[in-house]
Structures are given as structure tokens and as C-alpha cells.
Protein backbone atom coordinates (compact mmCIF):
# COMPACT_ATOMS: atom_id res chain seq x y z
CA MET A 1 64.83 -58.65 -89.38
CA LEU A 2 68.18 -60.41 -89.78
CA PRO A 3 70.06 -58.06 -87.41
CA LEU A 4 67.38 -58.63 -84.76
CA ILE A 5 67.73 -62.40 -85.06
CA LEU A 6 71.51 -62.12 -84.74
CA VAL A 7 71.16 -59.96 -81.63
CA VAL A 8 68.80 -62.47 -79.98
CA VAL A 9 71.03 -65.44 -80.86
CA VAL A 10 74.15 -63.69 -79.53
CA PHE A 11 72.34 -62.66 -76.35
CA VAL A 12 71.05 -66.20 -75.63
CA THR A 13 74.48 -67.70 -76.41
CA ILE A 14 76.28 -65.32 -74.06
CA VAL A 15 73.78 -65.93 -71.24
CA MET A 16 74.05 -69.71 -71.58
CA ALA A 17 77.84 -69.58 -71.77
CA VAL A 18 78.13 -67.38 -68.67
CA PHE A 19 75.69 -69.54 -66.73
CA ALA A 20 77.42 -72.78 -67.72
CA PHE A 21 80.88 -71.42 -66.93
CA GLY A 22 79.76 -70.07 -63.56
CA ALA A 23 77.98 -73.29 -62.58
CA ALA A 24 80.96 -75.39 -63.65
CA ALA A 25 83.43 -73.16 -61.84
CA VAL A 26 81.48 -72.94 -58.58
CA THR A 27 80.54 -76.62 -58.33
CA PRO A 28 83.18 -78.44 -56.24
CA SER A 29 82.99 -81.73 -58.16
CA SER A 30 83.26 -80.28 -61.67
CA VAL A 31 86.34 -80.84 -63.84
CA LEU A 32 86.61 -77.16 -64.80
CA GLY A 33 86.41 -76.05 -61.17
CA ALA A 34 89.09 -78.57 -60.20
CA ARG A 35 91.42 -77.31 -62.92
CA LEU A 36 90.87 -73.66 -61.97
CA ARG A 37 91.59 -74.43 -58.32
CA ALA A 38 94.65 -76.44 -59.35
CA LEU A 39 95.96 -73.44 -61.28
CA GLY A 40 95.35 -71.32 -58.20
CA GLY A 41 97.51 -73.57 -56.06
CA GLN A 42 94.83 -75.82 -54.53
CA LYS A 43 95.42 -79.54 -54.93
CA GLN A 44 92.36 -81.58 -55.71
CA PRO A 45 92.12 -85.35 -55.79
CA VAL A 46 91.72 -86.95 -59.18
CA GLU A 47 88.07 -87.80 -59.81
CA ASN A 48 86.29 -89.58 -62.58
CA ARG A 49 84.30 -87.61 -65.11
CA PRO A 50 80.73 -87.14 -63.81
CA ALA A 51 77.77 -88.54 -65.67
CA PHE A 52 75.22 -86.48 -67.59
CA ARG A 53 72.69 -86.58 -64.74
CA GLU A 54 75.31 -85.37 -62.27
CA ARG A 55 76.28 -82.53 -64.62
CA MET A 56 72.65 -81.51 -64.93
CA GLU A 57 72.27 -81.54 -61.17
CA GLN A 58 75.41 -79.44 -60.81
CA ALA A 59 74.19 -76.92 -63.38
CA LEU A 60 70.77 -76.58 -61.75
CA ASP A 61 72.05 -76.59 -58.18
CA PRO A 62 72.39 -72.76 -57.94
CA LEU A 63 68.72 -72.44 -58.91
CA SER A 64 67.41 -74.55 -56.05
CA LYS A 65 66.41 -73.32 -52.65
CA ALA A 66 67.78 -74.52 -49.35
CA ILE A 67 66.09 -77.85 -48.73
CA PRO A 68 65.48 -78.41 -44.99
CA LEU A 69 66.25 -81.76 -43.44
CA SER A 70 63.28 -81.94 -41.09
CA PRO A 71 59.94 -83.03 -42.63
CA ALA A 72 58.19 -80.36 -40.56
CA ASP A 73 60.24 -77.60 -42.22
CA VAL A 74 59.69 -78.72 -45.81
CA SER A 75 59.12 -75.76 -48.08
CA ARG A 76 55.88 -75.18 -49.91
CA THR A 77 57.34 -76.10 -53.28
CA ARG A 78 58.92 -79.24 -51.89
CA ALA A 79 55.57 -80.24 -50.36
CA TRP A 80 53.83 -79.67 -53.71
CA LEU A 81 56.37 -81.84 -55.49
CA ILE A 82 55.95 -84.60 -52.91
CA GLN A 83 52.17 -84.48 -53.29
CA ALA A 84 52.61 -84.76 -57.06
CA GLY A 85 54.80 -87.86 -56.62
CA PHE A 86 58.27 -86.29 -57.11
CA ARG A 87 60.17 -87.11 -53.93
CA ASP A 88 63.80 -86.64 -55.01
CA ALA A 89 65.56 -83.55 -53.72
CA ILE A 90 66.90 -82.77 -57.20
CA ASP A 91 63.31 -82.38 -58.47
CA VAL A 92 63.25 -78.93 -56.86
CA ASN A 93 66.16 -77.93 -59.10
CA TYR A 94 64.37 -79.32 -62.14
CA TYR A 95 61.22 -77.43 -61.22
CA PHE A 96 62.88 -74.04 -60.87
CA GLY A 97 65.05 -74.72 -63.91
CA ALA A 98 61.93 -75.47 -65.96
CA ARG A 99 60.31 -72.21 -64.84
CA LEU A 100 63.35 -70.15 -65.83
CA LEU A 101 63.72 -72.04 -69.09
CA MET A 102 60.08 -71.44 -70.03
CA ALA A 103 60.40 -67.74 -69.20
CA ALA A 104 63.57 -67.42 -71.30
CA ALA A 105 61.94 -69.30 -74.18
CA GLY A 106 58.93 -66.98 -74.06
CA PHE A 107 61.14 -63.90 -74.07
CA ALA A 108 63.19 -65.23 -76.98
CA ALA A 109 60.05 -66.11 -78.96
CA VAL A 110 58.54 -62.65 -78.45
CA ALA A 111 61.80 -60.92 -79.32
CA LEU A 112 62.24 -63.07 -82.41
CA PHE A 113 58.77 -62.73 -83.92
CA SER A 114 57.49 -59.33 -82.73
CA GLY A 115 60.62 -57.46 -81.70
CA PHE A 116 61.14 -55.29 -78.65
CA ASP A 117 58.41 -52.76 -79.45
CA ASN A 118 55.50 -54.47 -77.68
CA VAL A 119 56.14 -54.11 -73.95
CA PHE A 120 53.04 -56.09 -72.94
CA LEU A 121 54.14 -59.17 -74.88
CA LEU A 122 57.70 -58.88 -73.55
CA ALA A 123 56.34 -58.89 -69.99
CA GLY A 124 53.32 -61.16 -70.41
CA VAL A 125 54.66 -64.11 -72.39
CA PRO A 126 57.75 -64.69 -70.16
CA GLY A 127 55.52 -64.31 -67.10
CA LEU A 128 53.13 -66.90 -68.51
CA GLY A 129 56.03 -69.22 -69.23
CA PHE A 130 57.36 -68.71 -65.70
CA PHE A 131 54.05 -69.66 -64.07
CA LEU A 132 53.10 -72.43 -66.52
CA PRO A 133 55.06 -75.19 -64.70
CA ARG A 134 53.28 -74.23 -61.49
CA PHE A 135 49.88 -74.64 -63.15
CA ILE A 136 50.96 -78.01 -64.54
CA LEU A 137 52.21 -79.09 -61.11
CA LYS A 138 48.92 -78.09 -59.48
CA ARG A 139 47.03 -80.08 -62.09
CA MET A 140 49.21 -83.13 -61.49
CA ILE A 141 48.57 -82.84 -57.74
CA LYS A 142 44.79 -82.75 -58.27
CA ASP A 143 44.88 -85.72 -60.62
CA ARG A 144 46.96 -87.79 -58.22
CA GLN A 145 44.76 -86.90 -55.26
CA HIS A 146 41.71 -87.87 -57.31
CA ARG A 147 43.23 -91.26 -58.12
CA ILE A 148 44.08 -91.84 -54.45
CA ARG A 149 40.57 -90.81 -53.39
CA ILE A 150 39.04 -93.27 -55.85
CA GLY A 151 41.19 -96.17 -54.65
CA LEU A 152 40.72 -95.54 -50.93
CA PRO A 153 37.39 -97.44 -50.47
CA ASP A 154 38.87 -100.60 -52.02
CA ALA A 155 41.91 -100.24 -49.79
CA LEU A 156 39.71 -99.91 -46.68
CA ASP A 157 37.70 -103.01 -47.60
CA LEU A 158 40.86 -105.04 -48.14
CA THR A 159 42.34 -103.72 -44.91
CA VAL A 160 39.23 -104.76 -42.94
CA ILE A 161 39.41 -108.25 -44.46
CA CYS A 162 43.12 -108.59 -43.65
CA VAL A 163 42.68 -107.36 -40.05
CA GLU A 164 39.72 -109.69 -39.44
CA ALA A 165 41.81 -112.54 -40.84
CA GLY A 166 44.33 -112.01 -38.03
CA LEU A 167 46.99 -109.79 -39.57
CA ALA A 168 48.42 -106.84 -37.71
CA LEU A 169 47.85 -103.34 -39.07
CA ASP A 170 51.40 -103.07 -40.45
CA GLN A 171 51.13 -106.40 -42.25
CA ALA A 172 47.63 -105.53 -43.47
CA LEU A 173 48.85 -102.27 -45.01
CA MET A 174 51.74 -104.09 -46.66
CA ARG A 175 49.42 -106.76 -48.09
CA VAL A 176 46.89 -104.19 -49.29
CA GLY A 177 49.69 -102.22 -50.96
CA GLN A 178 50.80 -105.34 -52.81
CA ASP A 179 47.28 -106.22 -53.93
CA LEU A 180 46.54 -102.70 -55.19
CA HIS A 181 49.78 -102.36 -57.13
CA HIS A 182 48.12 -102.67 -60.55
CA ALA A 183 44.66 -101.25 -59.80
CA HIS A 184 45.73 -98.18 -57.80
CA PRO A 185 49.53 -97.72 -58.07
CA ASP A 186 49.61 -94.31 -56.34
CA LEU A 187 47.90 -95.56 -53.18
CA SER A 188 49.96 -98.75 -53.27
CA GLU A 189 53.16 -96.70 -53.40
CA GLU A 190 52.06 -94.61 -50.41
CA PHE A 191 51.30 -97.71 -48.35
CA HIS A 192 54.69 -99.12 -49.31
CA LEU A 193 56.39 -95.95 -48.06
CA VAL A 194 54.48 -96.19 -44.78
CA ASN A 195 55.78 -99.73 -44.29
CA LEU A 196 59.32 -98.66 -45.13
CA GLU A 197 59.17 -95.85 -42.56
CA MET A 198 57.88 -98.19 -39.86
CA ARG A 199 60.57 -100.74 -40.71
CA ALA A 200 63.18 -97.99 -40.44
CA GLY A 201 62.14 -97.36 -36.84
CA LYS A 202 59.61 -94.55 -37.03
CA PRO A 203 56.60 -94.80 -34.74
CA ARG A 204 53.37 -95.83 -36.38
CA ALA A 205 51.66 -92.54 -35.57
CA GLU A 206 54.44 -90.50 -37.19
CA ALA A 207 54.49 -92.71 -40.30
CA LEU A 208 50.72 -92.34 -40.68
CA ARG A 209 50.92 -88.57 -40.24
CA ASN A 210 53.58 -88.45 -42.95
CA LEU A 211 51.18 -90.38 -45.17
CA GLY A 212 48.57 -87.66 -44.72
CA GLU A 213 51.09 -84.91 -45.41
CA ARG A 214 52.48 -86.60 -48.53
CA THR A 215 49.10 -87.09 -50.14
CA GLY A 216 47.22 -83.98 -49.00
CA VAL A 217 43.90 -85.85 -49.29
CA ASP A 218 41.30 -85.09 -46.62
CA ASP A 219 39.98 -88.67 -46.63
CA ILE A 220 43.48 -90.00 -45.97
CA ARG A 221 43.93 -87.53 -43.11
CA SER A 222 40.68 -88.58 -41.50
CA LEU A 223 41.71 -92.24 -41.89
CA VAL A 224 45.07 -91.46 -40.29
CA GLY A 225 43.33 -89.75 -37.37
CA THR A 226 41.08 -92.77 -36.90
CA LEU A 227 44.00 -95.22 -36.92
CA ILE A 228 46.02 -93.10 -34.50
CA GLN A 229 43.11 -92.84 -32.06
CA THR A 230 42.48 -96.57 -32.35
CA ASP A 231 46.11 -97.37 -31.65
CA ARG A 232 46.20 -94.95 -28.72
CA PHE A 233 43.07 -96.21 -26.95
CA GLY A 234 43.45 -99.88 -27.86
CA THR A 235 40.07 -100.31 -29.54
CA SER A 236 39.26 -102.74 -32.34
CA VAL A 237 40.99 -101.76 -35.57
CA ALA A 238 38.56 -103.71 -37.75
CA GLN A 239 35.53 -102.06 -36.16
CA ALA A 240 37.07 -98.60 -36.50
CA LEU A 241 37.94 -99.23 -40.15
CA ARG A 242 34.44 -100.52 -40.87
CA VAL A 243 32.82 -97.44 -39.29
CA HIS A 244 35.21 -95.15 -41.14
CA SER A 245 34.50 -96.97 -44.40
CA ASP A 246 30.75 -96.43 -43.93
CA SER A 247 31.25 -92.74 -43.16
CA LEU A 248 33.54 -92.43 -46.18
CA ARG A 249 30.91 -93.91 -48.46
CA THR A 250 28.34 -91.52 -47.00
CA GLU A 251 30.65 -88.58 -47.70
CA ARG A 252 31.22 -89.79 -51.25
CA ARG A 253 27.48 -90.05 -51.84
CA GLN A 254 26.94 -86.56 -50.44
CA ARG A 255 29.77 -85.23 -52.58
CA ALA A 256 28.21 -86.84 -55.66
CA GLU A 257 24.83 -85.33 -54.80
CA GLU A 258 26.48 -81.94 -54.40
CA GLN A 259 28.11 -82.23 -57.82
CA ALA A 260 24.79 -83.32 -59.32
CA ALA A 261 23.05 -80.30 -57.78
CA LYS A 262 25.68 -78.00 -59.28
CA THR A 263 25.13 -79.49 -62.72
CA THR A 264 21.89 -77.54 -63.24
CA ILE A 265 23.61 -74.22 -62.59
CA LYS A 266 26.60 -75.15 -64.73
CA MET A 267 24.35 -76.02 -67.68
CA VAL A 268 22.71 -72.57 -67.78
CA PRO A 269 25.55 -70.65 -69.57
CA PRO A 270 25.95 -73.24 -72.40
CA LEU A 271 22.19 -73.36 -72.87
CA VAL A 272 21.89 -69.58 -73.02
CA ILE A 273 24.90 -69.10 -75.31
CA PHE A 274 24.57 -72.04 -77.72
CA VAL A 275 21.11 -73.64 -77.51
CA LEU A 276 18.77 -70.71 -76.89
CA PRO A 277 19.82 -68.67 -80.00
CA SER A 278 19.30 -71.71 -82.20
CA ILE A 279 15.82 -72.29 -80.79
CA ILE A 280 14.94 -68.62 -81.30
CA PHE A 281 16.12 -68.70 -84.90
CA VAL A 282 14.22 -71.92 -85.66
CA THR A 283 10.94 -70.85 -84.03
CA ILE A 284 10.78 -67.11 -84.74
CA GLY A 285 12.87 -67.01 -87.92
CA PRO A 286 10.17 -68.28 -90.36
CA ALA A 287 7.58 -65.90 -88.88
CA ILE A 288 9.92 -62.94 -89.29
CA ILE A 289 10.70 -63.93 -92.90
CA GLU A 290 7.01 -64.25 -93.72
CA LEU A 291 6.29 -60.93 -92.05
CA ILE A 292 8.96 -59.25 -94.16
CA ARG A 293 7.51 -60.79 -97.32
CA GLN A 294 4.02 -59.59 -96.51
CA LEU A 295 4.92 -56.08 -95.40
CA GLY A 296 7.66 -55.53 -97.97
CA PRO A 297 5.43 -54.79 -100.97
CA VAL A 298 3.15 -52.59 -98.87
CA SER A 299 5.99 -50.41 -97.64
CA GLY A 300 7.52 -50.34 -101.10
CA GLY A 301 4.24 -49.24 -102.70
CA LYS A 302 3.88 -46.32 -100.35
């Protein structure tokens, strides 16, 4: 057992050392890379020692994919991270680094406790560790979309009140985002980003479309379509928001009725597995015991 542990420790140490040396040598802003290039005859300007976050970004930079500059060309993983609330470009590096780290930890755990004899564990546990961050990310996306979906009716009501009070749509969204900061922080953050994009010079239609793409919520996309059509044809924003709010409430009621109708079918397996055997034992059990007591002496006498 001890030789196997030493082999695993030496293997992990060598892999980490090679990876760290390669990342430090390839990264242009690293101290080790600057010294190696200086020894090779290339003069580099004197730079300050990078911080820990910068070193982590440099180490994980080879693991990241090419991040496109256009929002239309954002990769699938980048879009998932944005929908989960992680908007920094370095989060892609962290995501892929976490997947590789979990796979390596699973391989090391299997090799340490069960050895290299079980091929299924050597392939299955690292694969599970590699896909575990993706499952967690998907769950975070669903939870965030659920929170945004819950806070949307309150946001629509506040937006209608602000528009009827005389505010423009941009100012109404900004005010609603400020009012919902504590109750619904995810939706408030999205409205704040919409206002920042419009202040930066983006057209209102493009900023609203980016809102729908960032959240991935169908209700937000339908709201964006309504606002864009209202802005294009010059109709009343308050009336359009009120109609959309009524339709949204109708959809929520229908969705709740659908979930309630599914409850009966979902309750069948627990009833059959857990409740029905107990009822059978309680109702038929005493009769079976009494039958055994009555027929036991008769069969024994024969």
C-alpha cells in the first residue's frame, strides 16, 4: 500500500510542477518567463510582482477557450456562465480549471483507495468529477431563472406605476431596479445592466435583447418583444405593460394548474413503494397470522 501511495504522490507532484512551470514560462507577464527570455537575449521591461489573482489567471489561461468579442458569437459555456450570473471573462478559466481539478481529484482518490485494478472506477469517478461542475452550473442557472421569474410580476407592476406617473421607460427601469434591489437582487442587477448599456450608447432594442439573452427566461423574452414592438410602433407603453402583465399572470396560473395536475401522477410511485406495503401488512397481516395459528396444529397432526 505504501509504494502505491508514493507513486500517486510523485505522479501528482510531477504533473503540477510541469503544469506550473509551463504556465509560468509561457505567460508573457510572469517573472519566470521574463527571466528565461532575458537569459535568451530578449530584454523585458521591469515589472512589479503580480498579485495572487493575476497569477491564478495566468495559470488557468491555457485552459480557457478563445472568448469572442461579439455578443452574438459568445460560446455556449460563456452563455451558461452569464445566465448563472458570472460575467467576467476569467470565469471561463475557473470553470474549466474546476472541471480538470475535479477529474484529477477523482482519479487520485480512486488510485489511492482502490488501486489501478478496477478500470470502471478509474474511468467513472474522474468522468463524474469532470461533469460535476456542469451539473452544478445548470442547477445555478435554473435557480437564478426561477428567482427572476418570481420577481418579474412585481417589476411589471412597478414599471406600470412609474410609466403612468410620467417617467420614460429608461428612467422607469432604473427606478424599478433600485426599488427591487433587496427583494429581487438578480432582476435588479439585470435592469441596472440594461440602463448601463443604454447610457453607453446602445440602442434600446439591442439592450433589451441582451437582457433576454443574459437571463434565458421565456417571460423576459416575451416582455422584451412587447417593449420593442411598442417602441417601434409608438403605442402606449403603460397599456402594453398592463396587457402583458395580465397575460403573464394567466400563464403563471396555467403553469401552476399544470404542476398541480402532475402532482397526482408524481404521488403514485411513493404511494406504491412506501404506503401500500404498510397498508397491506396492517390489514392482511393479522388475518394471515390467525390463519397460520388455526391451520398449524391441523397440518402438524396429520
